[in-house]
């Protein structure tokens, strides 16, 4: 049996974005803000802070790691809630676009150890939204940074699907979503959009349908030859591993897809 595996999450469009992953990331970003607001409450082990705008009361600070689809959605919803929002990313272009989209209302910074130490220490909520398609997420928040965070603050590691971007993170479940380390609440549910199954399923179907139609019209090999973005989403083709990131992670030889399709 010659297996072919295509990953929704790494299919690309002409701009190099991930059109099928994008709606899932956007929903995860929104959910992260809702979950952060919930776990900031006293009953949930949080600091007893409202993630909102109360006249005469300083707003909570939300730190978002990553300015991609999930980070952008999280920033939008946190800002709409009245929070003070900080977004860090390694790509200046993404930060510039985000600052433009939010008319300068969001603080942006290039990710670096000194910046992360400073921002995690003042954050009430940290949302990890780092994605490197097909590879492990880098650790941006160390255990020492977690120790220095405010007691009762909340970390939501959306990168847990790729191993997590916080050193103290470990996968949890929807039924048992949080744990506490160094007095900081951690929410680390992989595929958290499974908790909004109806909305997520419809959004995913809408996003993937054009790709399915393309494969039906051209056949799989024809679609892969003509659509480089679809080809970028292939992990395995007819039993041969073609994804370089997976090959490097597992130490398995990789065959370039273009060579196989010739």
C-alpha atoms as a PDB file:
ATOM      1  CA  UNK A   1       0.000   0.000   0.000  1.00  0.00           C
ATOM      2  CA  UNK A   2       1.541   3.296  -1.127  1.00  0.00           C
ATOM      3  CA  UNK A   3       0.348   5.957   1.276  1.00  0.00           C
ATOM      4  CA  UNK A   4       0.101   9.654   0.458  1.00  0.00           C
ATOM      5  CA  UNK A   5      -0.302  12.132   3.317  1.00  0.00           C
ATOM      6  CA  UNK A   6      -1.186  15.800   2.868  1.00  0.00           C
ATOM      7  CA  UNK A   7      -1.219  18.068   5.936  1.00  0.00           C
ATOM      8  CA  UNK A   8      -3.969  20.683   6.027  1.00  0.00           C
ATOM      9  CA  UNK A   9      -1.753  22.841   8.193  1.00  0.00           C
ATOM     10  CA  UNK A  10       1.126  23.246   5.710  1.00  0.00           C
ATOM     11  CA  UNK A  11      -0.740  23.755   2.425  1.00  0.00           C
ATOM     12  CA  UNK A  12       0.282  27.171   1.104  1.00  0.00           C
ATOM     13  CA  UNK A  13      -1.257  29.774  -1.171  1.00  0.00           C
ATOM     14  CA  UNK A  14       0.586  31.968  -3.673  1.00  0.00           C
ATOM     15  CA  UNK A  15       1.483  34.444  -0.924  1.00  0.00           C
ATOM     16  CA  UNK A  16       3.101  31.730   1.191  1.00  0.00           C
ATOM     17  CA  UNK A  17       0.300  31.812   3.773  1.00  0.00           C
ATOM     18  CA  UNK A  18      -1.566  28.740   5.022  1.00  0.00           C
ATOM     19  CA  UNK A  19      -5.185  29.123   3.840  1.00  0.00           C
ATOM     20  CA  UNK A  20      -6.550  25.930   5.382  1.00  0.00           C
ATOM     21  CA  UNK A  21      -4.813  26.413   8.734  1.00  0.00           C
ATOM     22  CA  UNK A  22      -5.697  30.125   8.948  1.00  0.00           C
ATOM     23  CA  UNK A  23      -9.337  29.817  10.072  1.00  0.00           C
ATOM     24  CA  UNK A  24      -8.397  27.247  12.714  1.00  0.00           C
ATOM     25  CA  UNK A  25      -5.616  29.517  13.985  1.00  0.00           C
ATOM     26  CA  UNK A  26      -7.954  32.509  14.043  1.00  0.00           C
ATOM     27  CA  UNK A  27     -10.497  30.591  16.110  1.00  0.00           C
ATOM     28  CA  UNK A  28      -7.775  29.354  18.466  1.00  0.00           C
ATOM     29  CA  UNK A  29      -6.631  32.939  18.985  1.00  0.00           C
ATOM     30  CA  UNK A  30     -10.153  34.018  19.880  1.00  0.00           C
ATOM     31  CA  UNK A  31     -10.649  31.036  22.190  1.00  0.00           C
ATOM     32  CA  UNK A  32      -7.362  31.792  23.951  1.00  0.00           C
ATOM     33  CA  UNK A  33      -8.613  35.234  24.977  1.00  0.00           C
ATOM     34  CA  UNK A  34     -11.894  33.757  26.250  1.00  0.00           C
ATOM     35  CA  UNK A  35     -10.028  31.047  28.176  1.00  0.00           C
ATOM     36  CA  UNK A  36      -7.563  33.573  29.557  1.00  0.00           C
ATOM     37  CA  UNK A  37     -10.421  35.713  30.826  1.00  0.00           C
ATOM     38  CA  UNK A  38     -11.958  32.686  32.535  1.00  0.00           C
ATOM     39  CA  UNK A  39      -8.789  31.488  34.245  1.00  0.00           C
ATOM     40  CA  UNK A  40      -7.920  34.963  35.512  1.00  0.00           C
ATOM     41  CA  UNK A  41     -10.929  34.715  37.813  1.00  0.00           C
ATOM     42  CA  UNK A  42     -10.403  33.823  41.480  1.00  0.00           C
ATOM     43  CA  UNK A  43     -12.519  30.684  41.325  1.00  0.00           C
ATOM     44  CA  UNK A  44     -10.331  29.369  38.489  1.00  0.00           C
ATOM     45  CA  UNK A  45      -7.071  30.005  40.356  1.00  0.00           C
ATOM     46  CA  UNK A  46      -6.328  33.329  38.714  1.00  0.00           C
ATOM     47  CA  UNK A  47      -5.421  36.766  40.026  1.00  0.00           C
ATOM     48  CA  UNK A  48      -9.018  37.906  40.298  1.00  0.00           C
ATOM     49  CA  UNK A  49      -8.762  40.228  37.316  1.00  0.00           C
ATOM     50  CA  UNK A  50     -11.384  41.098  34.741  1.00  0.00           C
ATOM     51  CA  UNK A  51     -10.051  40.899  31.205  1.00  0.00           C
ATOM     52  CA  UNK A  52     -11.903  44.036  30.283  1.00  0.00           C
ATOM     53  CA  UNK A  53     -12.114  47.807  30.468  1.00  0.00           C
ATOM     54  CA  UNK A  54     -13.227  49.232  33.822  1.00  0.00           C
ATOM     55  CA  UNK A  55     -13.103  53.037  34.269  1.00  0.00           C
ATOM     56  CA  UNK A  56     -10.578  54.013  36.917  1.00  0.00           C
ATOM     57  CA  UNK A  57      -8.896  50.585  36.951  1.00  0.00           C
ATOM     58  CA  UNK A  58      -5.689  49.829  35.079  1.00  0.00           C
ATOM     59  CA  UNK A  59      -6.286  47.309  32.271  1.00  0.00           C
ATOM     60  CA  UNK A  60      -4.743  43.830  32.362  1.00  0.00           C
ATOM     61  CA  UNK A  61      -1.729  43.148  30.170  1.00  0.00           C
ATOM     62  CA  UNK A  62      -1.909  40.429  27.526  1.00  0.00           C
ATOM     63  CA  UNK A  63       1.386  39.297  25.983  1.00  0.00           C
ATOM     64  CA  UNK A  64       1.078  37.451  22.671  1.00  0.00           C
ATOM     65  CA  UNK A  65       4.001  35.458  21.277  1.00  0.00           C
ATOM     66  CA  UNK A  66       3.688  35.362  17.499  1.00  0.00           C
ATOM     67  CA  UNK A  67       2.050  37.703  15.000  1.00  0.00           C
ATOM     68  CA  UNK A  68       0.576  35.077  12.681  1.00  0.00           C
ATOM     69  CA  UNK A  69      -3.107  34.254  12.231  1.00  0.00           C
ATOM     70  CA  UNK A  70      -3.627  33.062  15.811  1.00  0.00           C
ATOM     71  CA  UNK A  71      -1.654  35.922  17.328  1.00  0.00           C
ATOM     72  CA  UNK A  72      -3.439  38.492  15.176  1.00  0.00           C
ATOM     73  CA  UNK A  73      -6.871  37.154  16.185  1.00  0.00           C
ATOM     74  CA  UNK A  74      -5.869  37.036  19.853  1.00  0.00           C
ATOM     75  CA  UNK A  75      -4.605  40.619  19.687  1.00  0.00           C
ATOM     76  CA  UNK A  76      -7.815  41.806  18.070  1.00  0.00           C
ATOM     77  CA  UNK A  77     -10.042  40.213  20.710  1.00  0.00           C
ATOM     78  CA  UNK A  78      -7.856  41.157  23.658  1.00  0.00           C
ATOM     79  CA  UNK A  79      -7.758  44.745  22.430  1.00  0.00           C
ATOM     80  CA  UNK A  80     -11.528  44.787  21.945  1.00  0.00           C
ATOM     81  CA  UNK A  81     -11.896  43.585  25.532  1.00  0.00           C
ATOM     82  CA  UNK A  82      -9.970  46.602  26.772  1.00  0.00           C
ATOM     83  CA  UNK A  83      -6.660  44.903  27.577  1.00  0.00           C
ATOM     84  CA  UNK A  84      -3.204  46.395  27.154  1.00  0.00           C
ATOM     85  CA  UNK A  85      -1.767  44.203  24.379  1.00  0.00           C
ATOM     86  CA  UNK A  86       1.871  43.434  23.577  1.00  0.00           C
ATOM     87  CA  UNK A  87       2.837  41.288  20.590  1.00  0.00           C
ATOM     88  CA  UNK A  88       6.330  39.923  19.976  1.00  0.00           C
ATOM     89  CA  UNK A  89       7.565  38.176  16.851  1.00  0.00           C
ATOM     90  CA  UNK A  90      10.874  37.543  15.123  1.00  0.00           C
ATOM     91  CA  UNK A  91       9.664  38.980  11.807  1.00  0.00           C
ATOM     92  CA  UNK A  92       9.594  42.752  11.668  1.00  0.00           C
ATOM     93  CA  UNK A  93       7.325  42.705   8.622  1.00  0.00           C
ATOM     94  CA  UNK A  94       4.605  40.901  10.543  1.00  0.00           C
ATOM     95  CA  UNK A  95       4.879  43.322  13.435  1.00  0.00           C
ATOM     96  CA  UNK A  96       4.703  46.287  11.083  1.00  0.00           C
ATOM     97  CA  UNK A  97       1.553  44.893   9.439  1.00  0.00           C
ATOM     98  CA  UNK A  98      -0.049  44.209  12.807  1.00  0.00           C
ATOM     99  CA  UNK A  99       0.744  47.694  14.104  1.00  0.00           C
ATOM    100  CA  UNK A 100      -0.796  49.137  10.947  1.00  0.00           C
ATOM    101  CA  UNK A 101      -3.933  46.977  11.248  1.00  0.00           C
ATOM    102  CA  UNK A 102      -4.524  48.132  14.817  1.00  0.00           C
ATOM    103  CA  UNK A 103      -3.602  51.766  14.224  1.00  0.00           C
ATOM    104  CA  UNK A 104      -0.752  51.648  16.717  1.00  0.00           C
ATOM    105  CA  UNK A 105      -2.940  50.553  19.635  1.00  0.00           C
ATOM    106  CA  UNK A 106      -0.872  47.389  20.128  1.00  0.00           C
ATOM    107  CA  UNK A 107       2.697  47.454  21.450  1.00  0.00           C
ATOM    108  CA  UNK A 108       4.989  45.439  19.172  1.00  0.00           C
ATOM    109  CA  UNK A 109       8.538  44.221  19.759  1.00  0.00           C
ATOM    110  CA  UNK A 110      11.044  41.908  18.114  1.00  0.00           C
ATOM    111  CA  UNK A 111      11.400  38.735  20.173  1.00  0.00           C
ATOM    112  CA  UNK A 112      14.571  38.627  22.250  1.00  0.00           C
ATOM    113  CA  UNK A 113      15.563  37.269  25.651  1.00  0.00           C
ATOM    114  CA  UNK A 114      15.664  40.668  27.358  1.00  0.00           C
ATOM    115  CA  UNK A 115      12.306  41.715  25.912  1.00  0.00           C
ATOM    116  CA  UNK A 116      10.657  38.433  26.863  1.00  0.00           C
ATOM    117  CA  UNK A 117      11.975  38.625  30.432  1.00  0.00           C
ATOM    118  CA  UNK A 118      10.621  42.154  30.740  1.00  0.00           C
ATOM    119  CA  UNK A 119       7.210  41.474  29.201  1.00  0.00           C
ATOM    120  CA  UNK A 120       6.457  38.134  30.913  1.00  0.00           C
ATOM    121  CA  UNK A 121       7.129  39.765  34.290  1.00  0.00           C
ATOM    122  CA  UNK A 122       4.367  42.352  33.736  1.00  0.00           C
ATOM    123  CA  UNK A 123       1.873  40.157  31.857  1.00  0.00           C
ATOM    124  CA  UNK A 124      -1.376  38.925  33.359  1.00  0.00           C
ATOM    125  CA  UNK A 125      -1.970  36.616  30.385  1.00  0.00           C
ATOM    126  CA  UNK A 126       0.633  35.106  28.033  1.00  0.00           C
ATOM    127  CA  UNK A 127      -0.615  33.531  24.803  1.00  0.00           C
ATOM    128  CA  UNK A 128       1.911  31.409  22.921  1.00  0.00           C
ATOM    129  CA  UNK A 129       1.020  31.408  19.209  1.00  0.00           C
ATOM    130  CA  UNK A 130       4.234  30.277  17.532  1.00  0.00           C
ATOM    131  CA  UNK A 131       4.003  28.005  14.485  1.00  0.00           C
ATOM    132  CA  UNK A 132       6.825  26.606  12.386  1.00  0.00           C
ATOM    133  CA  UNK A 133       5.038  24.286   9.925  1.00  0.00           C
ATOM    134  CA  UNK A 134       6.173  20.692  10.277  1.00  0.00           C
ATOM    135  CA  UNK A 135       8.698  21.453  13.035  1.00  0.00           C
ATOM    136  CA  UNK A 136       8.878  21.815  16.815  1.00  0.00           C
ATOM    137  CA  UNK A 137       8.105  25.212  18.283  1.00  0.00           C
ATOM    138  CA  UNK A 138      11.087  26.981  19.849  1.00  0.00           C
ATOM    139  CA  UNK A 139      11.047  27.594  23.598  1.00  0.00           C
ATOM    140  CA  UNK A 140      10.572  31.338  24.048  1.00  0.00           C
ATOM    141  CA  UNK A 141       9.468  31.427  27.690  1.00  0.00           C
ATOM    142  CA  UNK A 142      11.899  29.710  30.039  1.00  0.00           C
ATOM    143  CA  UNK A 143      11.094  28.264  33.444  1.00  0.00           C
ATOM    144  CA  UNK A 144      12.927  31.160  35.083  1.00  0.00           C
ATOM    145  CA  UNK A 145      10.621  33.582  33.261  1.00  0.00           C
ATOM    146  CA  UNK A 146       7.599  31.640  34.528  1.00  0.00           C
ATOM    147  CA  UNK A 147       8.953  31.834  38.088  1.00  0.00           C
ATOM    148  CA  UNK A 148       9.181  35.621  37.724  1.00  0.00           C
ATOM    149  CA  UNK A 149       5.564  35.987  36.542  1.00  0.00           C
ATOM    150  CA  UNK A 150       2.828  37.327  38.816  1.00  0.00           C
ATOM    151  CA  UNK A 151       1.127  34.690  41.005  1.00  0.00           C
ATOM    152  CA  UNK A 152      -2.224  33.802  39.481  1.00  0.00           C
ATOM    153  CA  UNK A 153      -1.291  34.909  35.979  1.00  0.00           C
ATOM    154  CA  UNK A 154      -2.234  32.653  33.054  1.00  0.00           C
ATOM    155  CA  UNK A 155      -0.298  31.021  30.220  1.00  0.00           C
ATOM    156  CA  UNK A 156      -2.156  29.638  27.196  1.00  0.00           C
ATOM    157  CA  UNK A 157       0.272  27.689  25.011  1.00  0.00           C
ATOM    158  CA  UNK A 158      -1.392  27.299  21.616  1.00  0.00           C
ATOM    159  CA  UNK A 159       1.900  25.943  20.286  1.00  0.00           C
ATOM    160  CA  UNK A 160       1.529  22.782  22.372  1.00  0.00           C
ATOM    161  CA  UNK A 161       0.553  20.877  19.199  1.00  0.00           C
ATOM    162  CA  UNK A 162       4.169  21.382  18.082  1.00  0.00           C
ATOM    163  CA  UNK A 163       5.694  20.785  21.513  1.00  0.00           C
ATOM    164  CA  UNK A 164       4.952  24.150  23.107  1.00  0.00           C
ATOM    165  CA  UNK A 165       6.818  27.452  23.285  1.00  0.00           C
ATOM    166  CA  UNK A 166       6.866  27.607  27.112  1.00  0.00           C
ATOM    167  CA  UNK A 167       9.370  25.448  28.966  1.00  0.00           C
ATOM    168  CA  UNK A 168       6.894  24.482  31.696  1.00  0.00           C
ATOM    169  CA  UNK A 169       4.105  23.474  29.292  1.00  0.00           C
ATOM    170  CA  UNK A 170       2.820  19.936  28.862  1.00  0.00           C
ATOM    171  CA  UNK A 171      -0.223  18.711  26.906  1.00  0.00           C
ATOM    172  CA  UNK A 172      -3.556  18.707  28.713  1.00  0.00           C
ATOM    173  CA  UNK A 173      -7.103  17.813  27.652  1.00  0.00           C
ATOM    174  CA  UNK A 174     -10.406  19.605  27.222  1.00  0.00           C
ATOM    175  CA  UNK A 175     -11.731  17.607  30.197  1.00  0.00           C
ATOM    176  CA  UNK A 176      -8.742  18.573  32.382  1.00  0.00           C
ATOM    177  CA  UNK A 177      -7.282  21.650  30.674  1.00  0.00           C
ATOM    178  CA  UNK A 178      -5.106  23.380  33.263  1.00  0.00           C
ATOM    179  CA  UNK A 179      -2.350  22.840  35.787  1.00  0.00           C
ATOM    180  CA  UNK A 180      -0.321  25.232  37.921  1.00  0.00           C
ATOM    181  CA  UNK A 181       3.468  25.631  37.990  1.00  0.00           C
ATOM    182  CA  UNK A 182       5.189  28.310  40.088  1.00  0.00           C
ATOM    183  CA  UNK A 183       1.757  29.793  40.907  1.00  0.00           C
ATOM    184  CA  UNK A 184       1.041  30.355  37.202  1.00  0.00           C
ATOM    185  CA  UNK A 185      -2.002  28.703  35.602  1.00  0.00           C
ATOM    186  CA  UNK A 186      -1.123  26.804  32.397  1.00  0.00           C
ATOM    187  CA  UNK A 187      -3.712  26.002  29.708  1.00  0.00           C
ATOM    188  CA  UNK A 188      -2.132  23.644  27.162  1.00  0.00           C
ATOM    189  CA  UNK A 189      -4.899  21.881  25.219  1.00  0.00           C
ATOM    190  CA  UNK A 190      -3.801  20.640  21.780  1.00  0.00           C
ATOM    191  CA  UNK A 191      -6.305  21.342  19.014  1.00  0.00           C
ATOM    192  CA  UNK A 192      -8.399  23.502  21.322  1.00  0.00           C
ATOM    193  CA  UNK A 193     -10.846  24.248  18.499  1.00  0.00           C
ATOM    194  CA  UNK A 194     -12.199  20.713  19.005  1.00  0.00           C
ATOM    195  CA  UNK A 195     -14.235  22.296  21.802  1.00  0.00           C
ATOM    196  CA  UNK A 196     -16.156  24.323  19.200  1.00  0.00           C
ATOM    197  CA  UNK A 197     -16.604  21.365  16.865  1.00  0.00           C
ATOM    198  CA  UNK A 198     -19.547  22.653  14.821  1.00  0.00           C
ATOM    199  CA  UNK A 199     -17.977  26.020  13.992  1.00  0.00           C
ATOM    200  CA  UNK A 200     -14.534  24.507  13.429  1.00  0.00           C
ATOM    201  CA  UNK A 201     -15.840  21.767  11.136  1.00  0.00           C
ATOM    202  CA  UNK A 202     -17.722  24.230   8.971  1.00  0.00           C
ATOM    203  CA  UNK A 203     -14.761  26.594   8.760  1.00  0.00           C
ATOM    204  CA  UNK A 204     -12.396  23.743   7.883  1.00  0.00           C
ATOM    205  CA  UNK A 205     -14.752  22.406   5.205  1.00  0.00           C
ATOM    206  CA  UNK A 206     -15.019  25.849   3.627  1.00  0.00           C
ATOM    207  CA  UNK A 207     -11.244  26.259   3.612  1.00  0.00           C
ATOM    208  CA  UNK A 208     -10.349  22.819   2.232  1.00  0.00           C
ATOM    209  CA  UNK A 209     -13.103  22.500  -0.398  1.00  0.00           C
ATOM    210  CA  UNK A 210     -11.223  24.404  -3.157  1.00  0.00           C
ATOM    211  CA  UNK A 211      -8.257  22.037  -2.731  1.00  0.00           C
ATOM    212  CA  UNK A 212     -10.494  18.963  -2.907  1.00  0.00           C
ATOM    213  CA  UNK A 213     -12.125  20.278  -6.076  1.00  0.00           C
ATOM    214  CA  UNK A 214      -8.720  20.936  -7.628  1.00  0.00           C
ATOM    215  CA  UNK A 215      -7.587  17.362  -6.931  1.00  0.00           C
ATOM    216  CA  UNK A 216     -10.849  16.013  -8.375  1.00  0.00           C
ATOM    217  CA  UNK A 217     -10.410  18.023 -11.592  1.00  0.00           C
ATOM    218  CA  UNK A 218      -6.722  17.379 -12.191  1.00  0.00           C
ATOM    219  CA  UNK A 219      -6.006  14.177 -10.310  1.00  0.00           C
ATOM    220  CA  UNK A 220      -3.587  14.171  -7.395  1.00  0.00           C
ATOM    221  CA  UNK A 221      -0.345  14.052  -9.388  1.00  0.00           C
ATOM    222  CA  UNK A 222      -1.586  16.681 -11.830  1.00  0.00           C
ATOM    223  CA  UNK A 223      -2.665  19.010  -9.023  1.00  0.00           C
ATOM    224  CA  UNK A 224       0.682  18.594  -7.274  1.00  0.00           C
ATOM    225  CA  UNK A 225       2.618  19.368 -10.445  1.00  0.00           C
ATOM    226  CA  UNK A 226       0.642  22.547 -11.136  1.00  0.00           C
ATOM    227  CA  UNK A 227       0.068  23.838  -7.605  1.00  0.00           C
ATOM    228  CA  UNK A 228       3.282  24.397  -5.676  1.00  0.00           C
ATOM    229  CA  UNK A 229       1.294  25.448  -2.597  1.00  0.00           C
ATOM    230  CA  UNK A 230      -0.510  22.126  -2.513  1.00  0.00           C
ATOM    231  CA  UNK A 231       2.785  20.331  -3.110  1.00  0.00           C
ATOM    232  CA  UNK A 232       4.204  22.134  -0.060  1.00  0.00           C
ATOM    233  CA  UNK A 233       1.529  20.414   2.031  1.00  0.00           C
ATOM    234  CA  UNK A 234       2.653  16.870   1.228  1.00  0.00           C
ATOM    235  CA  UNK A 235       4.295  14.885   4.019  1.00  0.00           C
ATOM    236  CA  UNK A 236       4.452  11.547   2.210  1.00  0.00           C
ATOM    237  CA  UNK A 237       3.849  10.640  -1.424  1.00  0.00           C
ATOM    238  CA  UNK A 238       3.260   7.023  -2.454  1.00  0.00           C
ATOM    239  CA  UNK A 239       5.090   5.708   0.581  1.00  0.00           C
ATOM    240  CA  UNK A 240       8.074   8.053   0.345  1.00  0.00           C
ATOM    241  CA  UNK A 241       8.720  10.806   2.895  1.00  0.00           C
ATOM    242  CA  UNK A 242       9.041  14.166   1.124  1.00  0.00           C
ATOM    243  CA  UNK A 243       8.823  16.689   3.973  1.00  0.00           C
ATOM    244  CA  UNK A 244      12.289  17.922   4.941  1.00  0.00           C
ATOM    245  CA  UNK A 245      11.325  19.135   8.442  1.00  0.00           C
ATOM    246  CA  UNK A 246       9.845  15.762   9.409  1.00  0.00           C
ATOM    247  CA  UNK A 247      12.818  13.968   7.926  1.00  0.00           C
ATOM    248  CA  UNK A 248      15.251  16.082   9.926  1.00  0.00           C
ATOM    249  CA  UNK A 249      13.267  15.582  13.134  1.00  0.00           C
ATOM    250  CA  UNK A 250      13.019  11.799  12.759  1.00  0.00           C
ATOM    251  CA  UNK A 251      16.362  11.205  11.045  1.00  0.00           C
ATOM    252  CA  UNK A 252      14.696   9.651   7.989  1.00  0.00           C
ATOM    253  CA  UNK A 253      15.935  10.174   4.406  1.00  0.00           C
ATOM    254  CA  UNK A 254      13.727  12.441   2.288  1.00  0.00           C
ATOM    255  CA  UNK A 255      12.984  12.272  -1.433  1.00  0.00           C
ATOM    256  CA  UNK A 256      12.155  15.634  -3.061  1.00  0.00           C
ATOM    257  CA  UNK A 257       8.576  15.532  -4.308  1.00  0.00           C
ATOM    258  CA  UNK A 258       9.519  17.230  -7.587  1.00  0.00           C
ATOM    259  CA  UNK A 259      11.884  14.357  -8.400  1.00  0.00           C
ATOM    260  CA  UNK A 260       9.206  11.738  -7.737  1.00  0.00           C
ATOM    261  CA  UNK A 261       6.622  13.536  -9.880  1.00  0.00           C
ATOM    262  CA  UNK A 262       8.896  13.735 -12.954  1.00  0.00           C
END
